[in-house]
Amino acid sequence: MRTWWGRLSGIQRAGAVVAAVIALGIIAALGHKSGSGSSGDKAAATPTTHAAASSPAGSPKATTPPASSHPAPGPTFTYPGDPECAITYRDRSDGSMSWTVRLSVPGELITHATDTGGAIYRHDVQAAAGSTSFSAPVPLAQVTDIGGNLRTSGGRSYGCSVAPAK
């Protein structure tokens, strides 16, 4: 005599397994939500610190870091370009932003930053190997694009990598 599971086709078995997994997920989510202390008091909204393990003295070894009191200054741009041309950028906290292009070879550097209003702060310069800085009269939060390209006297072209300043 076959059991009810044995009478199901392969597709029906797969459907039953998926349904069971979904049901368990819903039950777990509801259990987590109901156990979260959502009574509306301030303590329920405060992050708590949990120790991963205790030291012999009973103090926690690892804690949850506090949330940052300062929001991020603006968007984060990253682009994995060529190492011959590397752009780093930062907010200057005075209503403007700047970016520095570090070149390992000299050439014609064309670089830009674009803001939310569509203004393009473009620079086309002959640059030596080393660092060259540029700025735009807008805060980093209003910048939508940063980029650059280096063309050497030998005709080689390099797309600049882009990363936030450290």
Protein backbone atom coordinates (compact mmCIF):
# COMPACT_ATOMS: atom_id res chain seq x y z
CA MET A 1 0.00 0.00 0.00
CA ARG A 2 1.41 3.38 -1.07
CA THR A 3 1.37 6.41 1.18
CA TRP A 4 -0.16 9.70 0.12
CA TRP A 5 3.34 11.01 -0.69
CA GLY A 6 3.96 8.05 -3.00
CA ARG A 7 0.77 8.76 -4.95
CA LEU A 8 1.92 12.30 -5.89
CA SER A 9 3.68 13.03 -9.18
CA GLY A 10 7.12 14.67 -9.19
CA ILE A 11 5.63 18.09 -9.90
CA GLN A 12 3.08 17.70 -7.11
CA ARG A 13 5.86 16.72 -4.68
CA ALA A 14 7.91 19.76 -5.67
CA GLY A 15 4.86 21.98 -5.19
CA ALA A 16 4.21 20.49 -1.75
CA VAL A 17 7.82 21.11 -0.70
CA VAL A 18 7.70 24.72 -1.93
CA ALA A 19 4.40 25.30 -0.12
CA ALA A 20 5.84 23.87 3.10
CA VAL A 21 8.93 26.10 2.88
CA ILE A 22 6.77 29.18 2.26
CA ALA A 23 4.49 28.29 5.17
CA LEU A 24 7.46 27.85 7.51
CA GLY A 25 8.87 31.20 6.36
CA ILE A 26 5.57 32.95 7.05
CA ILE A 27 5.29 31.34 10.48
CA ALA A 28 8.87 32.35 11.33
CA ALA A 29 8.27 35.93 10.15
CA LEU A 30 5.05 36.24 12.13
CA GLY A 31 6.70 34.79 15.22
CA HIS A 32 9.61 37.24 14.89
CA LYS A 33 7.25 40.18 14.41
CA SER A 34 5.01 39.29 17.34
CA GLY A 35 8.02 38.77 19.59
CA SER A 36 9.60 42.13 18.72
CA GLY A 37 7.81 44.06 21.43
CA SER A 38 5.86 46.34 19.11
CA SER A 39 3.84 47.82 21.93
CA GLY A 40 4.78 51.33 20.81
CA ASP A 41 7.07 52.11 23.75
CA LYS A 42 10.43 53.76 23.23
CA ALA A 43 12.39 50.75 24.46
CA ALA A 44 11.07 48.63 21.61
CA ALA A 45 12.54 51.02 19.02
CA THR A 46 15.93 51.26 20.71
CA PRO A 47 18.60 48.96 19.29
CA THR A 48 19.88 46.50 21.83
CA THR A 49 23.34 45.11 22.36
CA HIS A 50 23.78 41.37 22.42
CA ALA A 51 26.97 39.62 23.44
CA ALA A 52 28.23 36.95 21.11
CA ALA A 53 29.96 35.36 24.08
CA SER A 54 30.92 36.46 27.56
CA SER A 55 34.36 36.92 28.99
CA PRO A 56 35.18 35.35 32.36
CA ALA A 57 34.22 38.63 34.06
CA GLY A 58 30.82 38.50 32.36
CA SER A 59 31.25 41.56 30.12
CA PRO A 60 30.30 41.19 26.46
CA LYS A 61 33.05 40.46 23.92
CA ALA A 62 31.29 41.95 20.88
CA THR A 63 28.61 44.61 20.69
CA THR A 64 26.44 46.15 18.04
CA PRO A 65 27.95 49.47 16.93
CA PRO A 66 25.78 52.56 17.49
CA ALA A 67 24.01 54.07 14.51
CA SER A 68 25.79 57.04 12.96
CA SER A 69 24.44 60.41 13.98
CA HIS A 70 25.60 61.97 10.71
CA PRO A 71 24.06 61.04 7.36
CA ALA A 72 26.32 60.23 4.43
CA PRO A 73 27.42 63.44 2.67
CA GLY A 74 26.24 62.31 -0.73
CA PRO A 75 26.15 59.56 -3.30
CA THR A 76 28.96 57.07 -3.73
CA PHE A 77 30.50 56.62 -7.16
CA THR A 78 32.87 53.80 -8.03
CA TYR A 79 34.25 52.73 -11.37
CA PRO A 80 37.04 50.19 -11.92
CA GLY A 81 39.00 52.03 -14.61
CA ASP A 82 42.66 51.90 -15.56
CA PRO A 83 45.35 52.31 -12.88
CA GLU A 84 47.09 54.99 -14.99
CA CYS A 85 44.27 57.42 -14.12
CA ALA A 86 42.54 57.36 -10.72
CA ILE A 87 39.90 59.83 -9.50
CA THR A 88 39.02 60.33 -5.84
CA TYR A 89 36.35 62.79 -4.71
CA ARG A 90 34.99 64.38 -1.55
CA ASP A 91 32.44 66.85 -0.24
CA ARG A 92 34.12 70.03 1.01
CA SER A 93 31.37 70.91 3.56
CA ASP A 94 31.16 74.46 2.19
CA GLY A 95 28.56 73.86 -0.52
CA SER A 96 31.11 72.54 -3.00
CA MET A 97 32.89 69.31 -3.84
CA SER A 98 36.29 68.47 -5.26
CA TRP A 99 37.95 65.62 -7.05
CA THR A 100 41.60 64.76 -7.53
CA VAL A 101 42.96 62.89 -10.51
CA ARG A 102 46.18 60.92 -9.98
CA LEU A 103 48.02 60.09 -13.20
CA SER A 104 50.92 57.67 -13.59
CA VAL A 105 51.70 58.99 -17.10
CA PRO A 106 51.30 62.49 -18.60
CA GLY A 107 48.73 63.35 -21.23
CA GLU A 108 45.52 65.15 -22.09
CA LEU A 109 43.08 64.73 -19.22
CA ILE A 110 39.39 65.30 -19.79
CA THR A 111 37.39 65.04 -16.58
CA HIS A 112 33.96 66.15 -15.40
CA ALA A 113 31.36 66.17 -12.67
CA THR A 114 27.65 66.54 -13.49
CA ASP A 115 25.00 67.83 -11.10
CA THR A 116 21.26 67.16 -10.70
CA GLY A 117 20.44 70.32 -12.69
CA GLY A 118 22.36 68.98 -15.69
CA ALA A 119 25.33 71.34 -15.36
CA ILE A 120 28.61 69.73 -16.43
CA TYR A 121 31.81 70.92 -14.76
CA ARG A 122 34.25 69.81 -17.48
CA HIS A 123 38.02 70.26 -17.56
CA ASP A 124 40.31 69.53 -20.52
CA VAL A 125 43.95 69.99 -19.50
CA GLN A 126 47.45 68.81 -20.36
CA ALA A 127 48.52 67.15 -17.12
CA ALA A 128 51.82 65.79 -15.87
CA ALA A 129 52.13 62.53 -13.97
CA GLY A 130 51.03 63.17 -10.39
CA SER A 131 47.91 64.69 -8.85
CA THR A 132 45.67 67.43 -10.23
CA SER A 133 42.62 68.73 -8.33
CA PHE A 134 39.35 70.19 -9.60
CA SER A 135 36.20 71.50 -7.93
CA ALA A 136 32.53 72.13 -8.63
CA PRO A 137 30.39 74.77 -6.87
CA VAL A 138 27.77 72.23 -5.77
CA PRO A 139 27.65 69.88 -2.77
CA LEU A 140 28.48 66.25 -3.42
CA ALA A 141 24.85 65.34 -2.66
CA GLN A 142 23.85 67.09 -5.92
CA VAL A 143 26.44 65.34 -8.10
CA THR A 144 25.11 62.58 -10.36
CA ASP A 145 28.26 61.61 -12.27
CA ILE A 146 32.04 61.88 -12.04
CA GLY A 147 34.43 60.59 -14.66
CA GLY A 148 37.52 61.13 -16.74
CA ASN A 149 39.69 59.95 -19.58
CA LEU A 150 43.43 60.24 -20.18
CA ARG A 151 44.97 60.28 -23.66
CA THR A 152 48.76 60.01 -23.87
CA SER A 153 50.99 61.56 -26.55
CA GLY A 154 51.48 58.01 -27.86
CA GLY A 155 47.75 57.76 -28.56
CA ARG A 156 46.83 55.41 -25.72
CA SER A 157 43.55 56.12 -23.92
CA TYR A 158 42.75 55.24 -20.32
CA GLY A 159 39.37 55.43 -18.58
CA CYS A 160 39.86 56.78 -15.07
CA SER A 161 38.90 54.69 -12.06
CA VAL A 162 36.60 56.49 -9.60
CA ALA A 163 36.35 56.04 -5.83
CA PRO A 164 35.54 58.18 -2.77
CA ALA A 165 38.52 59.84 -1.06
CA LYS A 166 39.62 58.07 2.12
